Amino acid sequence: MVSEISILIPVFNQDVTAMVHTLLAQCNRQSIQFEIRLYDDGSEEEIKVLNRPLSRLDHVVYLELPKNVGRAAIRNKMANDAAHAHLLMLDNDCLPVSTNFLHNYLIAGVQNEVVIGGVAYVAKTPDKPYRLHWKYGKERGAKSAWQREKKPYVDIFLCNALVKKQTFLMFPLREKLKRYGHEDTVFAHELRRHKVQVKHIHNPVVHLGLEQTSDMLIKTSQAVHNLVQLYHDGEELDQIRLVKTFEFLGNLGLVNAYTLCFSKLEGIVKQNLYSKNPNLLLYDMYRLYLFGLKVKQEPQLVTTS
């Protein structure tokens, strides 16, 4: 069993009190050395006020960064600062499903450099403004361990992952990606390229931080922006379906035709995405449309815009 662990939780505009106490209770049941690092990445003051008392708890390290550095940079900093050899990386809007959540990782981490636990979503259908995020998460993100094991390098998400510190530091996240999305994409491809073994287990966190459709579409645009930046930089993206579809259209000379046709339907598509029954195929087509628009920009504009 793993004997020491650093739990790393970047915090942004989220009260993590319940999450930290849940993790502390599980840690204290194990005979291990541990710490929980909470680094605030530019939250609003009212959120900081809620989280600051956590700094008085044993084994908790709470730090407020002077400015927002982004999702990749903060994870890199936390990994470098971590005191222990295994890193449990979690997002700040998730809660462990199992009371044996930590124990499951401590067992699986002995023989595996990277262990992915998966994500779950609440069963109850949310109100219409949250329907797109919930449906996408349920149908695309909440895969079983068996499904993830079939393509082990595709579903590597650092919202719920145990990684050996030395492994993570070998493949740091790309800090130039300042916006939301794909900061763990290159990490996954580096693991595949260097044949690092990845183990998928059933040890999910439930994702509580559903975004309203308006916010999700903003983050969708940011994620596509990051993906285009990686694409221009020549990163290996051959396992990403969006990129493969774009290149398929490009080989047929149909990218311009697709973006032109979709631009005339964009309003209708968005109406569906805001509806109570959003269509994920239309969402995929919308992301492909955004990718086609952004990839034609000059790389330097993509990087700085």
Protein backbone atom coordinates (compact mmCIF):
# COMPACT_ATOMS: atom_id res chain seq x y z
CA MET A 1 0.00 0.00 0.00
CA VAL A 2 1.19 3.55 -0.77
CA SER A 3 2.56 5.02 2.45
CA GLU A 4 2.61 8.74 1.67
CA ILE A 5 0.45 11.04 -0.40
CA SER A 6 -0.01 14.71 -1.25
CA ILE A 7 -3.58 15.66 -2.16
CA LEU A 8 -3.52 18.64 -4.53
CA ILE A 9 -6.63 20.76 -5.03
CA PRO A 10 -6.44 23.98 -7.06
CA VAL A 11 -9.16 26.32 -5.81
CA PHE A 12 -11.06 28.83 -7.91
CA ASN A 13 -14.28 30.39 -6.64
CA GLN A 14 -15.33 27.24 -4.80
CA ASP A 15 -15.97 26.56 -1.10
CA VAL A 16 -13.97 23.38 -0.50
CA THR A 17 -14.70 22.99 3.20
CA ALA A 18 -16.87 19.87 2.86
CA MET A 19 -14.45 18.30 0.41
CA VAL A 20 -11.44 18.84 2.68
CA HIS A 21 -13.16 17.44 5.76
CA THR A 22 -14.27 14.38 3.78
CA LEU A 23 -10.70 13.75 2.63
CA LEU A 24 -9.23 14.40 6.08
CA ALA A 25 -11.57 11.81 7.62
CA GLN A 26 -10.44 9.22 5.09
CA CYS A 27 -6.75 10.10 5.49
CA ASN A 28 -6.93 9.83 9.26
CA ARG A 29 -8.23 6.27 8.99
CA GLN A 30 -5.05 5.23 7.15
CA SER A 31 -1.56 4.73 8.56
CA ILE A 32 0.10 7.08 6.10
CA GLN A 33 1.92 10.35 5.84
CA PHE A 34 -0.25 12.89 4.07
CA GLU A 35 -0.95 16.51 3.32
CA ILE A 36 -3.76 18.39 1.57
CA ARG A 37 -2.56 21.37 -0.45
CA LEU A 38 -5.10 24.04 -1.34
CA TYR A 39 -3.78 26.76 -3.66
CA ASP A 40 -6.25 29.53 -4.44
CA ASP A 41 -5.84 30.82 -7.99
CA GLY A 42 -7.47 34.25 -7.80
CA SER A 43 -10.88 33.55 -6.27
CA GLU A 44 -13.29 36.27 -5.23
CA GLU A 45 -12.73 37.56 -1.70
CA GLU A 46 -15.97 36.07 -0.37
CA ILE A 47 -14.75 32.59 -1.37
CA LYS A 48 -11.34 33.12 0.19
CA VAL A 49 -13.02 34.08 3.46
CA LEU A 50 -14.83 30.73 3.48
CA ASN A 51 -11.69 28.69 2.77
CA ARG A 52 -9.11 30.48 4.92
CA PRO A 53 -10.10 28.70 8.16
CA LEU A 54 -8.94 25.43 6.55
CA SER A 55 -5.35 26.66 6.95
CA ARG A 56 -5.65 26.03 10.70
CA LEU A 57 -6.28 22.31 10.21
CA ASP A 58 -3.50 19.80 10.71
CA HIS A 59 -1.98 18.47 7.47
CA VAL A 60 -3.57 21.26 5.40
CA VAL A 61 -1.44 23.74 3.45
CA TYR A 62 -3.49 26.71 2.24
CA LEU A 63 -1.92 29.29 -0.09
CA GLU A 64 -3.40 32.23 -1.97
CA LEU A 65 -1.53 33.04 -5.16
CA PRO A 66 -1.06 36.78 -5.82
CA LYS A 67 -2.60 36.46 -9.29
CA ASN A 68 -4.37 33.88 -11.43
CA VAL A 69 -1.81 31.68 -13.17
CA GLY A 70 -4.09 29.19 -14.90
CA ARG A 71 -4.99 25.54 -14.50
CA ALA A 72 -1.75 24.12 -15.90
CA ALA A 73 0.66 26.38 -14.03
CA ILE A 74 -1.02 25.91 -10.66
CA ARG A 75 -0.95 22.12 -10.95
CA ASN A 76 2.74 22.26 -11.86
CA LYS A 77 3.50 24.48 -8.88
CA MET A 78 1.56 22.25 -6.49
CA ALA A 79 3.36 19.15 -7.78
CA ASN A 80 6.74 20.80 -7.32
CA ASP A 81 5.84 21.92 -3.79
CA ALA A 82 4.33 18.58 -2.75
CA ALA A 83 6.08 16.86 0.14
CA HIS A 84 5.24 13.27 -0.75
CA ALA A 85 5.99 10.79 -3.52
CA HIS A 86 2.41 10.25 -4.72
CA LEU A 87 0.12 13.03 -5.90
CA LEU A 88 -3.67 12.73 -5.73
CA MET A 89 -4.97 15.39 -8.09
CA LEU A 90 -8.55 16.54 -7.69
CA ASP A 91 -10.74 19.36 -8.97
CA ASN A 92 -12.33 21.64 -6.43
CA ASP A 93 -15.92 20.90 -7.45
CA CYS A 94 -15.85 17.13 -6.95
CA LEU A 95 -16.58 14.84 -4.01
CA PRO A 96 -15.47 11.21 -3.56
CA VAL A 97 -18.28 8.71 -4.07
CA SER A 98 -16.90 5.89 -1.92
CA THR A 99 -15.97 5.94 1.76
CA ASN A 100 -12.98 3.83 0.63
CA PHE A 101 -11.98 6.38 -2.01
CA LEU A 102 -8.51 7.07 -0.61
CA HIS A 103 -7.88 3.44 0.35
CA ASN A 104 -8.64 2.31 -3.20
CA TYR A 105 -5.96 4.64 -4.54
CA LEU A 106 -3.43 3.61 -1.91
CA ILE A 107 -3.80 -0.01 -3.04
CA ALA A 108 -3.77 0.68 -6.79
CA GLY A 109 -0.85 3.10 -6.58
CA VAL A 110 1.65 0.49 -5.44
CA GLN A 111 2.17 -1.08 -8.87
CA ASN A 112 1.04 1.75 -11.17
CA GLU A 113 2.61 5.10 -11.97
CA VAL A 114 -0.71 6.64 -12.98
CA VAL A 115 -4.15 5.61 -11.72
CA ILE A 116 -7.38 7.18 -13.01
CA GLY A 117 -10.51 6.86 -10.89
CA GLY A 118 -13.17 8.28 -13.20
CA VAL A 119 -16.02 10.72 -12.73
CA ALA A 120 -19.74 10.39 -12.02
CA TYR A 121 -22.74 12.71 -12.27
CA VAL A 122 -25.89 12.86 -10.20
CA ALA A 123 -28.73 10.77 -11.58
CA LYS A 124 -31.43 13.43 -11.18
CA THR A 125 -31.98 15.54 -14.29
CA PRO A 126 -31.08 19.16 -13.48
CA ASP A 127 -32.92 22.31 -14.51
CA LYS A 128 -32.77 23.27 -18.17
CA PRO A 129 -29.88 25.78 -17.89
CA TYR A 130 -27.59 22.94 -16.68
CA ARG A 131 -28.88 20.24 -19.02
CA LEU A 132 -26.12 20.38 -21.67
CA HIS A 133 -23.25 20.00 -19.19
CA TRP A 134 -25.04 17.24 -17.30
CA LYS A 135 -25.93 15.29 -20.45
CA TYR A 136 -22.43 15.63 -21.87
CA GLY A 137 -20.91 14.49 -18.59
CA LYS A 138 -23.26 11.53 -18.18
CA GLU A 139 -22.87 10.27 -21.76
CA ARG A 140 -19.27 11.19 -22.55
CA GLY A 141 -17.38 11.64 -19.30
CA ALA A 142 -18.84 9.08 -16.90
CA LYS A 143 -17.26 5.98 -18.41
CA SER A 144 -16.73 2.75 -16.53
CA ALA A 145 -13.20 1.59 -15.71
CA TRP A 146 -13.68 -1.22 -18.23
CA GLN A 147 -14.52 1.27 -20.99
CA ARG A 148 -11.58 3.50 -20.12
CA GLU A 149 -9.16 0.57 -20.03
CA LYS A 150 -9.85 -0.19 -23.71
CA LYS A 151 -8.13 3.08 -24.69
CA PRO A 152 -6.15 3.90 -21.55
CA TYR A 153 -4.56 7.12 -22.82
CA VAL A 154 -7.78 8.73 -24.07
CA ASP A 155 -9.60 9.33 -20.78
CA ILE A 156 -6.83 10.75 -18.63
CA PHE A 157 -8.28 13.64 -16.67
CA LEU A 158 -6.48 15.20 -13.73
CA CYS A 159 -9.73 16.00 -11.97
CA ASN A 160 -9.35 12.59 -10.28
CA ALA A 161 -5.97 10.94 -10.71
CA LEU A 162 -3.16 9.46 -8.63
CA VAL A 163 0.28 10.10 -10.17
CA LYS A 164 3.76 9.41 -8.91
CA LYS A 165 5.44 12.77 -8.32
CA GLN A 166 8.53 11.86 -10.33
CA THR A 167 6.34 10.83 -13.26
CA PHE A 168 4.35 14.06 -13.24
CA LEU A 169 7.47 16.19 -13.02
CA MET A 170 8.88 14.42 -16.07
CA PHE A 171 5.89 15.58 -18.13
CA PRO A 172 4.76 18.96 -16.74
CA LEU A 173 1.62 20.57 -18.07
CA ARG A 174 1.95 23.23 -20.79
CA GLU A 175 1.79 26.49 -18.85
CA LYS A 176 1.22 28.62 -21.94
CA LEU A 177 -2.33 27.27 -21.91
CA LYS A 178 -3.86 29.96 -19.71
CA ARG A 179 -7.51 29.30 -20.47
CA TYR A 180 -9.80 26.41 -19.68
CA GLY A 181 -9.36 23.00 -21.29
CA HIS A 182 -6.86 20.46 -22.62
CA GLU A 183 -4.13 21.17 -20.08
CA ASP A 184 -3.96 17.42 -19.47
CA THR A 185 -4.10 16.42 -23.16
CA VAL A 186 -0.36 16.69 -23.78
CA PHE A 187 0.32 14.96 -20.47
CA ALA A 188 -1.71 11.98 -21.67
CA HIS A 189 0.14 11.85 -24.98
CA GLU A 190 3.51 12.02 -23.24
CA LEU A 191 2.49 9.05 -21.11
CA ARG A 192 1.55 7.13 -24.22
CA ARG A 193 4.71 8.10 -26.09
CA HIS A 194 6.94 6.98 -23.22
CA LYS A 195 4.84 3.84 -22.60
CA VAL A 196 4.01 4.79 -19.02
CA GLN A 197 1.50 2.31 -17.67
CA VAL A 198 -1.89 3.79 -16.84
CA LYS A 199 -4.38 1.90 -14.70
CA HIS A 200 -8.09 2.75 -14.74
CA ILE A 201 -10.15 1.79 -11.70
CA HIS A 202 -13.68 2.32 -10.49
CA ASN A 203 -13.07 5.06 -7.92
CA PRO A 204 -15.11 8.02 -9.10
CA VAL A 205 -15.71 11.47 -7.81
CA VAL A 206 -19.12 13.01 -8.40
CA HIS A 207 -18.87 16.23 -10.36
CA LEU A 208 -21.01 18.78 -8.55
CA GLY A 209 -19.97 21.92 -10.41
CA LEU A 210 -22.38 21.88 -13.33
CA GLU A 211 -22.11 24.91 -15.59
CA GLN A 212 -25.04 26.70 -17.14
CA THR A 213 -25.11 26.30 -20.91
CA SER A 214 -24.01 29.91 -21.45
CA ASP A 215 -20.92 29.37 -19.29
CA MET A 216 -20.25 25.94 -20.80
CA LEU A 217 -20.20 27.39 -24.31
CA ILE A 218 -17.71 30.03 -23.19
CA LYS A 219 -15.49 27.31 -21.76
CA THR A 220 -16.01 25.26 -24.92
CA SER A 221 -14.58 28.13 -26.94
CA GLN A 222 -11.64 28.40 -24.54
CA ALA A 223 -10.96 24.66 -24.75
CA VAL A 224 -11.03 24.76 -28.55
CA HIS A 225 -8.68 27.75 -28.44
CA ASN A 226 -6.21 25.72 -26.37
CA LEU A 227 -6.55 22.73 -28.66
CA VAL A 228 -5.82 24.88 -31.70
CA GLN A 229 -2.76 26.27 -29.93
CA LEU A 230 -1.50 22.74 -29.35
CA TYR A 231 -2.32 21.88 -32.96
CA HIS A 232 -0.26 24.80 -34.29
CA ASP A 233 2.58 23.79 -31.98
CA GLY A 234 2.71 20.35 -33.58
CA GLU A 235 1.65 18.38 -30.54
CA GLU A 236 0.49 14.79 -31.03
CA LEU A 237 -3.31 14.99 -31.11
CA ASP A 238 -4.10 11.97 -33.24
CA GLN A 239 -6.31 10.35 -30.60
CA ILE A 240 -8.61 13.35 -30.29
CA ARG A 241 -11.73 12.80 -32.37
CA LEU A 242 -12.27 16.51 -33.03
CA VAL A 243 -8.81 16.83 -34.60
CA LYS A 244 -9.20 13.63 -36.60
CA THR A 245 -12.53 14.84 -38.01
CA PHE A 246 -11.05 18.22 -38.90
CA GLU A 247 -8.15 16.60 -40.73
CA PHE A 248 -10.53 14.25 -42.53
CA LEU A 249 -12.46 17.26 -43.82
CA GLY A 250 -9.19 18.95 -44.69
CA ASN A 251 -8.06 15.98 -46.79
CA LEU A 252 -11.32 16.26 -48.71
CA GLY A 253 -10.98 20.02 -49.09
CA LEU A 254 -14.22 20.61 -47.22
CA VAL A 255 -13.19 22.70 -44.21
CA ASN A 256 -14.22 26.04 -45.72
CA ALA A 257 -17.49 24.62 -46.99
CA TYR A 258 -18.28 23.16 -43.59
CA THR A 259 -17.61 26.36 -41.68
CA LEU A 260 -19.61 28.39 -44.18
CA CYS A 261 -22.61 26.06 -44.06
CA PHE A 262 -22.51 25.77 -40.28
CA SER A 263 -22.30 29.54 -39.83
CA LYS A 264 -25.77 29.78 -41.39
CA LEU A 265 -27.09 27.20 -38.91
CA GLU A 266 -25.26 28.38 -35.80
CA GLY A 267 -28.25 30.18 -34.34
CA ILE A 268 -30.52 27.14 -34.73
CA VAL A 269 -27.89 24.84 -33.25
CA LYS A 270 -27.48 27.08 -30.21
CA GLN A 271 -31.22 27.08 -29.68
CA ASN A 272 -31.04 23.33 -29.36
CA LEU A 273 -28.03 23.44 -27.02
CA TYR A 274 -29.95 25.78 -24.70
CA SER A 275 -33.03 23.56 -24.78
CA LYS A 276 -34.17 20.94 -22.28
CA ASN A 277 -33.01 18.17 -24.63
CA PRO A 278 -29.68 19.26 -26.17
CA ASN A 279 -28.26 17.10 -28.95
CA LEU A 280 -24.64 16.09 -28.38
CA LEU A 281 -24.03 15.51 -32.09
CA LEU A 282 -24.92 19.15 -32.69
CA TYR A 283 -22.58 20.10 -29.86
CA ASP A 284 -19.78 18.13 -31.53
CA MET A 285 -20.51 19.86 -34.83
CA TYR A 286 -20.41 23.23 -33.09
CA ARG A 287 -16.98 22.46 -31.61
CA LEU A 288 -15.73 21.35 -35.04
CA TYR A 289 -17.00 24.64 -36.46
CA LEU A 290 -15.11 26.62 -33.80
CA PHE A 291 -11.97 24.58 -34.42
CA GLY A 292 -12.15 25.25 -38.15
CA LEU A 293 -12.51 28.99 -37.56
CA LYS A 294 -9.69 29.24 -35.05
CA VAL A 295 -7.18 26.98 -36.79
CA LYS A 296 -7.11 29.29 -39.81
CA GLN A 297 -5.86 32.16 -37.68
CA GLU A 298 -2.17 32.91 -37.60
CA PRO A 299 -0.47 30.87 -34.82
CA GLN A 300 0.81 34.00 -33.11
CA LEU A 301 -2.72 35.39 -32.98
CA VAL A 302 -4.05 32.14 -31.57
CA THR A 303 -1.38 32.23 -28.86
CA THR A 304 -2.04 35.78 -27.68
CA SER A 305 -5.72 36.42 -28.35
